[in-house]
Amino acid sequence: MSTAATAEPDKKPAKKRLSKKLLIILAALVVVLLAAAAGVAYVVSQRQALDENGEPIEAVAESKEPAAAPTFLPIDTMVVNLADPGGERFAQVGVTLELADSKTAERVKQFMPSIRSGMLLLISQKTADELLSREGKDKLAHDILREVSRPLGFTVPEAGALPKPAAAPAAKGRAKAKDKAAEQENPVRRVLFSGFIIQ
């Protein structure tokens, strides 16, 4: 009898030890699950961040209309004698205009004879050495942009030109009406070269 009595008390502490270990493991598992849930909640809240107006960023991005695709207007390829000594070099230049919309394309087409004439005169003043460099091509594109914008009533400053100093208050009133078209965004966005051969 004494052996049976001594065996039972040993089982109870083993059960207590086992239940304590099980309780610690369950508590650790609960802590890990709570940490994982907090991490998921944080990620979800970051995805639904609010913009300055308090609207969810995702909703704002979906509600905005996509930007309108630009309109491209190719201009017939021009062959021009260059200003090199001897007059034996020429350039064959293809130009495409990137415009804000098709309405601007129609306006540019109305002025196309004067635009092409201005472009031909502009290119004929250049030398082959000027046009062979990247900077020369960039300057030519900027000058063509100015030629195309002029008949539409927009001014494009010279490449590398410094901004004009502020006008006196009396002069501001007179210049305000004159510069109204210049204040609007130029619908002629860029000049792209579709071909460029110098011989």
N, C-alpha and C. Protein backbone atom coordinates (compact mmCIF):
# COMPACT_ATOMS: atom_id res chain seq x y z
N MET A 1 0.78 -1.18 0.00
CA MET A 1 0.00 0.00 0.00
C MET A 1 0.83 1.26 0.00
N SER A 2 1.87 1.14 0.66
CA SER A 2 2.71 2.31 0.74
C SER A 2 3.33 2.65 -0.61
N THR A 3 3.56 1.67 -1.43
CA THR A 3 4.11 1.94 -2.75
C THR A 3 3.08 2.61 -3.65
N ALA A 4 1.83 2.26 -3.51
CA ALA A 4 0.79 2.88 -4.32
C ALA A 4 0.57 4.31 -3.88
N ALA A 5 0.67 4.56 -2.61
CA ALA A 5 0.46 5.91 -2.11
C ALA A 5 1.58 6.84 -2.52
N THR A 6 2.77 6.32 -2.58
CA THR A 6 3.88 7.15 -2.98
C THR A 6 3.90 7.39 -4.49
N ALA A 7 3.33 6.51 -5.28
CA ALA A 7 3.33 6.67 -6.73
C ALA A 7 2.34 7.75 -7.16
N GLU A 8 1.23 7.88 -6.49
CA GLU A 8 0.22 8.85 -6.87
C GLU A 8 0.68 10.29 -6.68
N PRO A 9 1.32 10.63 -5.57
CA PRO A 9 1.76 12.00 -5.43
C PRO A 9 2.78 12.38 -6.50
N ASP A 10 3.53 11.45 -7.03
CA ASP A 10 4.48 11.77 -8.09
C ASP A 10 3.76 12.13 -9.40
N LYS A 11 2.60 11.53 -9.66
CA LYS A 11 1.85 11.80 -10.89
C LYS A 11 1.26 13.21 -10.85
N LYS A 12 0.79 13.66 -9.72
CA LYS A 12 0.18 14.98 -9.61
C LYS A 12 1.18 16.09 -9.91
N PRO A 13 2.39 16.08 -9.37
CA PRO A 13 3.32 17.13 -9.73
C PRO A 13 3.71 17.07 -11.21
N ALA A 14 3.75 15.89 -11.79
CA ALA A 14 4.06 15.78 -13.21
C ALA A 14 2.95 16.41 -14.03
N LYS A 15 1.71 16.22 -13.62
CA LYS A 15 0.58 16.83 -14.32
C LYS A 15 0.64 18.34 -14.17
N LYS A 16 1.00 18.81 -12.94
CA LYS A 16 1.10 20.24 -12.71
C LYS A 16 2.20 20.85 -13.58
N ARG A 17 3.35 20.13 -13.67
CA ARG A 17 4.44 20.62 -14.51
C ARG A 17 4.02 20.65 -15.98
N LEU A 18 3.31 19.61 -16.41
CA LEU A 18 2.85 19.53 -17.80
C LEU A 18 1.83 20.63 -18.08
N SER A 19 0.92 20.88 -17.18
CA SER A 19 -0.08 21.92 -17.39
C SER A 19 0.56 23.31 -17.35
N LYS A 20 1.60 23.52 -16.54
CA LYS A 20 2.31 24.82 -16.52
C LYS A 20 3.02 25.05 -17.86
N LYS A 21 3.67 24.00 -18.38
CA LYS A 21 4.35 24.13 -19.67
C LYS A 21 3.34 24.40 -20.78
N LEU A 22 2.21 23.70 -20.73
CA LEU A 22 1.17 23.90 -21.73
C LEU A 22 0.62 25.31 -21.64
N LEU A 23 0.44 25.82 -20.44
CA LEU A 23 -0.06 27.17 -20.23
C LEU A 23 0.94 28.21 -20.77
N ILE A 24 2.23 28.00 -20.56
CA ILE A 24 3.26 28.93 -21.05
C ILE A 24 3.30 28.90 -22.58
N ILE A 25 3.20 27.71 -23.16
CA ILE A 25 3.21 27.59 -24.63
C ILE A 25 1.99 28.28 -25.22
N LEU A 26 0.82 28.07 -24.62
CA LEU A 26 -0.40 28.72 -25.10
C LEU A 26 -0.30 30.24 -24.98
N ALA A 27 0.26 30.72 -23.87
CA ALA A 27 0.41 32.17 -23.69
C ALA A 27 1.35 32.74 -24.75
N ALA A 28 2.46 32.04 -25.03
CA ALA A 28 3.40 32.51 -26.06
C ALA A 28 2.74 32.50 -27.44
N LEU A 29 1.93 31.48 -27.72
CA LEU A 29 1.23 31.40 -28.98
C LEU A 29 0.24 32.55 -29.13
N VAL A 30 -0.46 32.89 -28.07
CA VAL A 30 -1.41 34.01 -28.09
C VAL A 30 -0.66 35.32 -28.35
N VAL A 31 0.50 35.51 -27.72
CA VAL A 31 1.29 36.74 -27.93
C VAL A 31 1.73 36.83 -29.38
N VAL A 32 2.20 35.73 -29.96
CA VAL A 32 2.63 35.73 -31.36
C VAL A 32 1.46 36.04 -32.29
N LEU A 33 0.31 35.44 -32.04
CA LEU A 33 -0.86 35.71 -32.87
C LEU A 33 -1.31 37.17 -32.75
N LEU A 34 -1.27 37.73 -31.54
CA LEU A 34 -1.62 39.14 -31.37
C LEU A 34 -0.64 40.06 -32.12
N ALA A 35 0.65 39.72 -32.08
CA ALA A 35 1.65 40.51 -32.80
C ALA A 35 1.41 40.42 -34.32
N ALA A 36 1.07 39.24 -34.81
CA ALA A 36 0.80 39.07 -36.23
C ALA A 36 -0.45 39.86 -36.64
N ALA A 37 -1.48 39.82 -35.80
CA ALA A 37 -2.71 40.57 -36.09
C ALA A 37 -2.43 42.07 -36.10
N ALA A 38 -1.60 42.53 -35.18
CA ALA A 38 -1.25 43.95 -35.15
C ALA A 38 -0.48 44.34 -36.41
N GLY A 39 0.41 43.46 -36.86
CA GLY A 39 1.16 43.74 -38.09
C GLY A 39 0.26 43.82 -39.31
N VAL A 40 -0.70 42.91 -39.42
CA VAL A 40 -1.65 42.94 -40.53
C VAL A 40 -2.49 44.21 -40.47
N ALA A 41 -2.95 44.57 -39.27
CA ALA A 41 -3.76 45.79 -39.12
C ALA A 41 -2.95 47.03 -39.53
N TYR A 42 -1.68 47.07 -39.19
CA TYR A 42 -0.84 48.21 -39.57
C TYR A 42 -0.69 48.30 -41.09
N VAL A 43 -0.44 47.17 -41.74
CA VAL A 43 -0.28 47.17 -43.20
C VAL A 43 -1.57 47.61 -43.88
N VAL A 44 -2.71 47.11 -43.42
CA VAL A 44 -3.99 47.49 -44.00
C VAL A 44 -4.25 48.98 -43.79
N SER A 45 -3.93 49.50 -42.61
CA SER A 45 -4.16 50.92 -42.36
C SER A 45 -3.26 51.80 -43.21
N GLN A 46 -2.04 51.35 -43.51
CA GLN A 46 -1.14 52.12 -44.36
C GLN A 46 -1.64 52.15 -45.81
N ARG A 47 -2.24 51.08 -46.24
CA ARG A 47 -2.79 51.04 -47.61
C ARG A 47 -3.97 51.97 -47.75
N GLN A 48 -4.67 52.21 -46.68
CA GLN A 48 -5.83 53.08 -46.72
C GLN A 48 -5.50 54.44 -46.13
N ALA A 49 -4.26 54.88 -46.32
CA ALA A 49 -3.84 56.19 -45.79
C ALA A 49 -4.69 57.28 -46.43
N LEU A 50 -4.82 58.37 -45.73
CA LEU A 50 -5.64 59.48 -46.20
C LEU A 50 -4.77 60.57 -46.79
N ASP A 51 -5.30 61.27 -47.80
CA ASP A 51 -4.59 62.41 -48.36
C ASP A 51 -4.90 63.65 -47.53
N GLU A 52 -4.51 64.84 -48.01
CA GLU A 52 -4.71 66.07 -47.25
C GLU A 52 -6.19 66.37 -47.01
N ASN A 53 -7.07 65.94 -47.92
CA ASN A 53 -8.50 66.22 -47.79
C ASN A 53 -9.23 65.19 -46.96
N GLY A 54 -8.54 64.19 -46.45
CA GLY A 54 -9.17 63.18 -45.64
C GLY A 54 -9.78 62.04 -46.44
N GLU A 55 -9.58 62.02 -47.75
CA GLU A 55 -10.11 60.94 -48.58
C GLU A 55 -9.04 59.86 -48.72
N PRO A 56 -9.46 58.60 -48.81
CA PRO A 56 -8.46 57.54 -49.00
C PRO A 56 -7.70 57.75 -50.31
N ILE A 57 -6.40 57.50 -50.27
CA ILE A 57 -5.55 57.72 -51.44
C ILE A 57 -5.99 56.85 -52.60
N GLU A 58 -6.36 55.61 -52.33
CA GLU A 58 -6.79 54.72 -53.41
C GLU A 58 -8.02 55.27 -54.10
N ALA A 59 -8.96 55.81 -53.34
CA ALA A 59 -10.18 56.35 -53.94
C ALA A 59 -9.87 57.58 -54.77
N VAL A 60 -8.92 58.41 -54.32
CA VAL A 60 -8.55 59.59 -55.07
C VAL A 60 -7.90 59.18 -56.39
N ALA A 61 -7.03 58.19 -56.34
CA ALA A 61 -6.35 57.76 -57.56
C ALA A 61 -7.34 57.20 -58.56
N GLU A 62 -8.36 56.50 -58.11
CA GLU A 62 -9.34 55.93 -59.02
C GLU A 62 -10.26 57.00 -59.58
N SER A 63 -10.56 58.05 -58.81
CA SER A 63 -11.52 59.04 -59.25
C SER A 63 -10.93 60.02 -60.27
N LYS A 64 -9.62 60.19 -60.28
CA LYS A 64 -9.01 61.11 -61.23
C LYS A 64 -9.04 60.50 -62.63
N GLU A 65 -9.37 61.33 -63.60
CA GLU A 65 -9.37 60.87 -64.98
C GLU A 65 -7.93 60.79 -65.47
N PRO A 66 -7.64 59.82 -66.30
CA PRO A 66 -6.28 59.74 -66.83
C PRO A 66 -6.00 60.96 -67.70
N ALA A 67 -4.73 61.35 -67.73
CA ALA A 67 -4.33 62.51 -68.52
C ALA A 67 -4.61 62.23 -70.00
N ALA A 68 -5.06 63.25 -70.68
CA ALA A 68 -5.37 63.09 -72.10
C ALA A 68 -4.08 62.84 -72.87
N ALA A 69 -4.17 61.93 -73.80
CA ALA A 69 -3.00 61.62 -74.63
C ALA A 69 -2.71 62.81 -75.55
N PRO A 70 -1.44 63.12 -75.75
CA PRO A 70 -1.12 64.24 -76.64
C PRO A 70 -1.42 63.88 -78.09
N THR A 71 -1.51 64.90 -78.90
CA THR A 71 -1.72 64.74 -80.34
C THR A 71 -0.38 65.00 -81.02
N PHE A 72 -0.01 64.16 -81.96
CA PHE A 72 1.23 64.33 -82.69
C PHE A 72 0.91 64.76 -84.11
N LEU A 73 1.58 65.81 -84.56
CA LEU A 73 1.38 66.35 -85.90
C LEU A 73 2.69 66.31 -86.65
N PRO A 74 2.84 65.37 -87.59
CA PRO A 74 4.09 65.33 -88.37
C PRO A 74 4.10 66.44 -89.42
N ILE A 75 5.26 67.00 -89.62
CA ILE A 75 5.46 68.02 -90.65
C ILE A 75 6.31 67.39 -91.74
N ASP A 76 5.98 67.69 -92.99
CA ASP A 76 6.73 67.11 -94.11
C ASP A 76 8.22 67.34 -93.93
N THR A 77 9.01 66.34 -94.36
CA THR A 77 10.46 66.44 -94.26
C THR A 77 10.95 67.61 -95.10
N MET A 78 11.88 68.36 -94.54
CA MET A 78 12.43 69.54 -95.22
C MET A 78 13.89 69.29 -95.60
N VAL A 79 14.27 69.69 -96.80
CA VAL A 79 15.66 69.64 -97.24
C VAL A 79 16.12 71.07 -97.38
N VAL A 80 17.20 71.41 -96.65
CA VAL A 80 17.64 72.81 -96.56
C VAL A 80 19.15 72.89 -96.76
N ASN A 81 19.59 73.86 -97.57
CA ASN A 81 21.03 74.15 -97.67
C ASN A 81 21.45 74.82 -96.38
N LEU A 82 22.62 74.39 -95.88
CA LEU A 82 23.12 74.95 -94.63
C LEU A 82 24.02 76.15 -94.89
N ALA A 83 24.36 76.87 -93.85
CA ALA A 83 25.13 78.10 -93.96
C ALA A 83 26.64 77.84 -93.95
N ASP A 84 27.06 76.63 -94.29
CA ASP A 84 28.49 76.33 -94.34
C ASP A 84 29.15 77.07 -95.51
N PRO A 85 30.45 77.40 -95.38
CA PRO A 85 31.13 78.06 -96.49
C PRO A 85 31.11 77.16 -97.73
N GLY A 86 30.82 77.75 -98.86
CA GLY A 86 30.75 77.00 -100.11
C GLY A 86 29.33 76.54 -100.42
N GLY A 87 28.48 76.47 -99.45
CA GLY A 87 27.08 76.12 -99.66
C GLY A 87 26.85 74.71 -100.17
N GLU A 88 27.79 73.79 -99.92
CA GLU A 88 27.65 72.44 -100.45
C GLU A 88 26.99 71.47 -99.47
N ARG A 89 26.79 71.86 -98.22
CA ARG A 89 26.20 70.96 -97.23
C ARG A 89 24.71 71.26 -97.10
N PHE A 90 23.96 70.21 -96.85
CA PHE A 90 22.54 70.40 -96.64
C PHE A 90 22.04 69.45 -95.54
N ALA A 91 20.85 69.77 -95.04
CA ALA A 91 20.24 68.97 -93.98
C ALA A 91 18.86 68.52 -94.44
N GLN A 92 18.55 67.29 -94.11
CA GLN A 92 17.22 66.76 -94.34
C GLN A 92 16.63 66.51 -92.95
N VAL A 93 15.59 67.28 -92.60
CA VAL A 93 15.07 67.27 -91.23
C VAL A 93 13.58 66.93 -91.25
N GLY A 94 13.23 65.92 -90.47
CA GLY A 94 11.83 65.57 -90.27
C GLY A 94 11.43 65.98 -88.86
N VAL A 95 10.30 66.63 -88.72
CA VAL A 95 9.85 67.16 -87.44
C VAL A 95 8.42 66.68 -87.17
N THR A 96 8.18 66.31 -85.92
CA THR A 96 6.83 66.00 -85.45
C THR A 96 6.58 66.86 -84.22
N LEU A 97 5.41 67.49 -84.19
CA LEU A 97 5.05 68.35 -83.05
C LEU A 97 4.18 67.59 -82.08
N GLU A 98 4.49 67.70 -80.79
CA GLU A 98 3.63 67.15 -79.74
C GLU A 98 2.75 68.28 -79.25
N LEU A 99 1.44 68.12 -79.44
CA LEU A 99 0.48 69.16 -79.12
C LEU A 99 -0.47 68.70 -78.02
N ALA A 100 -1.10 69.64 -77.36
CA ALA A 100 -1.99 69.32 -76.23
C ALA A 100 -3.22 68.55 -76.68
N ASP A 101 -3.79 68.90 -77.84
CA ASP A 101 -5.02 68.25 -78.28
C ASP A 101 -5.21 68.42 -79.78
N SER A 102 -6.25 67.81 -80.31
CA SER A 102 -6.50 67.87 -81.76
C SER A 102 -6.96 69.27 -82.19
N LYS A 103 -7.56 70.02 -81.29
CA LYS A 103 -7.96 71.39 -81.61
C LYS A 103 -6.73 72.24 -81.91
N THR A 104 -5.68 72.06 -81.14
CA THR A 104 -4.43 72.78 -81.39
C THR A 104 -3.83 72.34 -82.72
N ALA A 105 -3.94 71.05 -83.05
CA ALA A 105 -3.42 70.56 -84.33
C ALA A 105 -4.10 71.26 -85.49
N GLU A 106 -5.41 71.46 -85.38
CA GLU A 106 -6.13 72.17 -86.45
C GLU A 106 -5.67 73.62 -86.56
N ARG A 107 -5.43 74.27 -85.42
CA ARG A 107 -4.93 75.66 -85.46
C ARG A 107 -3.55 75.73 -86.08
N VAL A 108 -2.67 74.76 -85.73
CA VAL A 108 -1.32 74.76 -86.29
C VAL A 108 -1.39 74.55 -87.80
N LYS A 109 -2.27 73.69 -88.26
CA LYS A 109 -2.40 73.44 -89.70
C LYS A 109 -2.81 74.70 -90.45
N GLN A 110 -3.61 75.56 -89.82
CA GLN A 110 -4.01 76.82 -90.45
C GLN A 110 -2.81 77.72 -90.71
N PHE A 111 -1.81 77.65 -89.85
CA PHE A 111 -0.62 78.50 -89.97
C PHE A 111 0.56 77.75 -90.59
N MET A 112 0.36 76.55 -91.11
CA MET A 112 1.47 75.72 -91.56
C MET A 112 2.37 76.37 -92.61
N PRO A 113 1.86 77.10 -93.60
CA PRO A 113 2.78 77.72 -94.56
C PRO A 113 3.77 78.69 -93.89
N SER A 114 3.30 79.51 -92.97
CA SER A 114 4.22 80.45 -92.31
C SER A 114 5.14 79.72 -91.34
N ILE A 115 4.64 78.66 -90.70
CA ILE A 115 5.48 77.88 -89.78
C ILE A 115 6.60 77.19 -90.54
N ARG A 116 6.28 76.55 -91.68
CA ARG A 116 7.30 75.87 -92.48
C ARG A 116 8.33 76.87 -93.01
N SER A 117 7.87 78.04 -93.44
CA SER A 117 8.80 79.06 -93.93
C SER A 117 9.76 79.48 -92.82
N GLY A 118 9.23 79.73 -91.63
CA GLY A 118 10.08 80.11 -90.51
C GLY A 118 11.08 79.03 -90.15
N MET A 119 10.64 77.77 -90.22
CA MET A 119 11.52 76.65 -89.91
C MET A 119 12.63 76.53 -90.96
N LEU A 120 12.28 76.69 -92.24
CA LEU A 120 13.29 76.61 -93.30
C LEU A 120 14.33 77.71 -93.15
N LEU A 121 13.87 78.93 -92.86
CA LEU A 121 14.81 80.03 -92.66
C LEU A 121 15.70 79.79 -91.45
N LEU A 122 15.13 79.24 -90.41
CA LEU A 122 15.86 78.97 -89.18
C LEU A 122 16.95 77.93 -89.42
N ILE A 123 16.61 76.83 -90.07
CA ILE A 123 17.57 75.75 -90.31
C ILE A 123 18.65 76.21 -91.29
N SER A 124 18.28 77.02 -92.27
CA SER A 124 19.26 77.46 -93.27
C SER A 124 20.31 78.40 -92.68
N GLN A 125 20.09 78.94 -91.50
CA GLN A 125 21.07 79.80 -90.84
C GLN A 125 22.09 79.02 -90.03
N LYS A 126 21.89 77.72 -89.89
CA LYS A 126 22.78 76.87 -89.09
C LYS A 126 23.88 76.27 -89.95
N THR A 127 24.99 75.94 -89.30
CA THR A 127 26.07 75.22 -89.99
C THR A 127 26.00 73.74 -89.61
N ALA A 128 26.68 72.92 -90.38
CA ALA A 128 26.68 71.48 -90.11
C ALA A 128 27.29 71.20 -88.73
N ASP A 129 28.35 71.93 -88.39
CA ASP A 129 28.99 71.72 -87.08
C ASP A 129 28.02 72.02 -85.93
N GLU A 130 27.20 73.05 -86.07
CA GLU A 130 26.23 73.38 -85.02
C GLU A 130 25.20 72.27 -84.87
N LEU A 131 24.74 71.71 -85.98
CA LEU A 131 23.67 70.73 -85.94
C LEU A 131 24.14 69.32 -85.62
N LEU A 132 25.42 69.06 -85.71
CA LEU A 132 25.92 67.71 -85.42
C LEU A 132 25.97 67.42 -83.92
N SER A 133 26.05 68.43 -83.09
CA SER A 133 26.13 68.21 -81.65
C SER A 133 24.73 68.08 -81.05
N ARG A 134 24.65 67.43 -79.93
CA ARG A 134 23.37 67.28 -79.21
C ARG A 134 22.83 68.64 -78.79
N GLU A 135 23.72 69.50 -78.31
CA GLU A 135 23.29 70.84 -77.88
C GLU A 135 22.72 71.63 -79.06
N GLY A 136 23.33 71.47 -80.23
CA GLY A 136 22.83 72.16 -81.43
C GLY A 136 21.44 71.69 -81.81
N LYS A 137 21.21 70.39 -81.71
CA LYS A 137 19.88 69.85 -82.02
C LYS A 137 18.85 70.32 -80.99
N ASP A 138 19.25 70.34 -79.71
CA ASP A 138 18.34 70.82 -78.67
C ASP A 138 17.98 72.28 -78.88
N LYS A 139 18.96 73.10 -79.25
CA LYS A 139 18.70 74.52 -79.50
C LYS A 139 17.80 74.69 -80.72
N LEU A 140 18.03 73.88 -81.76
CA LEU A 140 17.17 73.94 -82.94
C LEU A 140 15.73 73.57 -82.58
N ALA A 141 15.55 72.53 -81.78
CA ALA A 141 14.20 72.14 -81.37
C ALA A 141 13.53 73.27 -80.58
N HIS A 142 14.29 73.93 -79.72
CA HIS A 142 13.74 75.04 -78.95
C HIS A 142 13.36 76.21 -79.88
N ASP A 143 14.22 76.49 -80.86
CA ASP A 143 13.93 77.58 -81.80
C ASP A 143 12.71 77.25 -82.67
N ILE A 144 12.56 75.98 -83.06
CA ILE A 144 11.39 75.58 -83.84
C ILE A 144 10.13 75.71 -82.98
N LEU A 145 10.23 75.35 -81.70
CA LEU A 145 9.10 75.52 -80.78
C LEU A 145 8.67 76.98 -80.74
N ARG A 146 9.63 77.88 -80.71
CA ARG A 146 9.32 79.32 -80.72
C ARG A 146 8.63 79.72 -82.02
N GLU A 147 9.12 79.18 -83.17
CA GLU A 147 8.52 79.50 -84.47
C GLU A 147 7.09 79.00 -84.58
N VAL A 148 6.83 77.81 -84.03
CA VAL A 148 5.48 77.23 -84.10
C VAL A 148 4.54 77.96 -83.14
N SER A 149 5.03 78.36 -81.99
CA SER A 149 4.18 79.00 -80.97
C SER A 149 3.83 80.43 -81.32
N ARG A 150 4.68 81.12 -82.05
CA ARG A 150 4.48 82.54 -82.35
C ARG A 150 3.14 82.81 -83.06
N PRO A 151 2.78 82.11 -84.14
CA PRO A 151 1.49 82.41 -84.79
C PRO A 151 0.28 82.09 -83.91
N LEU A 152 0.45 81.22 -82.94
CA LEU A 152 -0.66 80.87 -82.05
C LEU A 152 -0.82 81.88 -80.91
N GLY A 153 0.10 82.84 -80.81
CA GLY A 153 0.00 83.88 -79.79
C GLY A 153 0.75 83.56 -78.52
N PHE A 154 1.65 82.60 -78.55
CA PHE A 154 2.43 82.23 -77.37
C PHE A 154 3.89 82.61 -77.59
N THR A 155 4.52 83.04 -76.51
CA THR A 155 5.94 83.37 -76.60
C THR A 155 6.74 82.32 -75.86
N VAL A 156 7.89 81.99 -76.41
CA VAL A 156 8.81 81.04 -75.79
C VAL A 156 10.11 81.80 -75.59
N PRO A 157 10.61 81.86 -74.35
CA PRO A 157 11.86 82.60 -74.12
C PRO A 157 13.02 81.93 -74.84
N GLU A 158 14.05 82.73 -75.09
CA GLU A 158 15.26 82.20 -75.72
C GLU A 158 15.83 81.08 -74.85
N ALA A 159 16.45 80.11 -75.47
CA ALA A 159 17.07 79.03 -74.72
C ALA A 159 18.17 79.60 -73.85
N GLY A 160 18.13 79.29 -72.56
CA GLY A 160 19.14 79.78 -71.62
C GLY A 160 18.94 81.23 -71.22
N ALA A 161 17.84 81.85 -71.63
CA ALA A 161 17.60 83.24 -71.27
C ALA A 161 17.23 83.35 -69.80
N LEU A 162 17.69 84.42 -69.18
CA LEU A 162 17.36 84.67 -67.79
C LEU A 162 15.94 85.21 -67.71
N PRO A 163 15.21 84.92 -66.63
CA PRO A 163 13.87 85.48 -66.49
C PRO A 163 13.92 87.00 -66.43
N LYS A 164 12.87 87.62 -66.97
CA LYS A 164 12.81 89.08 -66.99
C LYS A 164 12.63 89.61 -65.57
N PRO A 165 13.26 90.75 -65.24
CA PRO A 165 13.05 91.34 -63.92
C PRO A 165 11.61 91.82 -63.79
N ALA A 166 11.15 91.94 -62.55
CA ALA A 166 9.78 92.37 -62.30
C ALA A 166 9.58 93.78 -62.82
N ALA A 167 8.44 94.00 -63.48
CA ALA A 167 8.14 95.31 -64.06
C ALA A 167 7.65 96.26 -62.97
N ALA A 168 7.76 97.55 -63.24
CA ALA A 168 7.25 98.55 -62.31
C ALA A 168 5.73 98.43 -62.24
N PRO A 169 5.10 98.87 -61.14
CA PRO A 169 3.64 98.72 -60.99
C PRO A 169 2.85 99.34 -62.13
N ALA A 170 3.24 100.50 -62.65
CA ALA A 170 2.50 101.13 -63.75
C ALA A 170 2.64 100.31 -65.03
N ALA A 171 3.82 99.75 -65.25
CA ALA A 171 4.05 98.96 -66.45
C ALA A 171 3.34 97.62 -66.38
N LYS A 172 3.12 97.13 -65.15
CA LYS A 172 2.44 95.84 -65.00
C LYS A 172 1.03 95.89 -65.57
N GLY A 173 0.31 96.97 -65.35
CA GLY A 173 -1.07 97.08 -65.83
C GLY A 173 -1.14 97.06 -67.34
N ARG A 174 -0.21 97.76 -68.01
CA ARG A 174 -0.20 97.80 -69.48
C ARG A 174 0.20 96.46 -70.06
N ALA A 175 1.15 95.81 -69.43
CA ALA A 175 1.66 94.55 -69.96
C ALA A 175 0.74 93.37 -69.65
N LYS A 176 -0.20 93.57 -68.73
CA LYS A 176 -1.07 92.47 -68.32
C LYS A 176 -1.90 91.93 -69.48
N ALA A 177 -2.52 92.82 -70.23
CA ALA A 177 -3.35 92.39 -71.36
C ALA A 177 -2.49 91.76 -72.46
N LYS A 178 -1.31 92.31 -72.67
CA LYS A 178 -0.41 91.82 -73.71
C LYS A 178 0.10 90.42 -73.40
N ASP A 179 0.37 90.14 -72.14
CA ASP A 179 0.95 88.86 -71.75
C ASP A 179 -0.11 87.82 -71.36
N LYS A 180 -1.40 88.10 -71.63
CA LYS A 180 -2.44 87.17 -71.23
C LYS A 180 -2.24 85.81 -71.90
N ALA A 181 -1.90 85.80 -73.18
CA ALA A 181 -1.68 84.54 -73.89
C ALA A 181 -0.43 83.84 -73.36
N ALA A 182 0.57 84.62 -72.96
CA ALA A 182 1.81 84.03 -72.45
C ALA A 182 1.59 83.37 -71.10
N GLU A 183 0.58 83.86 -70.32
CA GLU A 183 0.31 83.29 -69.01
C GLU A 183 -0.31 81.91 -69.14
N GLN A 184 -1.06 81.67 -70.23
CA GLN A 184 -1.68 80.37 -70.44
C GLN A 184 -0.59 79.37 -70.83
N GLU A 185 -0.89 78.11 -70.60
CA GLU A 185 0.07 77.07 -70.94
C GLU A 185 0.11 76.90 -72.45
N ASN A 186 1.32 76.87 -72.98
CA ASN A 186 1.51 76.71 -74.42
C ASN A 186 1.04 75.32 -74.84
N PRO A 187 0.10 75.23 -75.80
CA PRO A 187 -0.39 73.92 -76.22
C PRO A 187 0.60 73.16 -77.10
N VAL A 188 1.64 73.85 -77.56
CA VAL A 188 2.70 73.18 -78.31
C VAL A 188 3.71 72.72 -77.27
N ARG A 189 3.70 71.43 -76.97
CA ARG A 189 4.50 70.92 -75.85
C ARG A 189 5.95 70.67 -76.21
N ARG A 190 6.19 69.97 -77.31
CA ARG A 190 7.57 69.62 -77.66
C ARG A 190 7.73 69.53 -79.16
N VAL A 191 8.97 69.65 -79.60
CA VAL A 191 9.35 69.42 -80.99
C VAL A 191 10.21 68.14 -81.00
N LEU A 192 9.77 67.16 -81.76
CA LEU A 192 10.47 65.89 -81.86
C LEU A 192 11.04 65.74 -83.26
N PHE A 193 12.24 65.23 -83.37
CA PHE A 193 12.84 64.99 -84.68
C PHE A 193 12.52 63.57 -85.09
N SER A 194 11.91 63.42 -86.27
CA SER A 194 11.61 62.08 -86.80
C SER A 194 12.67 61.66 -87.81
N GLY A 195 13.50 62.58 -88.23
CA GLY A 195 14.60 62.28 -89.14
C GLY A 195 15.59 63.44 -89.09
N PHE A 196 16.89 63.12 -89.22
CA PHE A 196 17.89 64.18 -89.15
C PHE A 196 19.14 63.70 -89.90
N ILE A 197 19.30 64.17 -91.13
CA ILE A 197 20.45 63.76 -91.95
C ILE A 197 21.17 65.02 -92.41
N ILE A 198 22.49 65.01 -92.23
CA ILE A 198 23.31 66.13 -92.71
C ILE A 198 24.32 65.56 -93.71
N GLN A 199 24.38 66.15 -94.89
CA GLN A 199 25.34 65.71 -95.90
C GLN A 199 26.11 66.88 -96.46
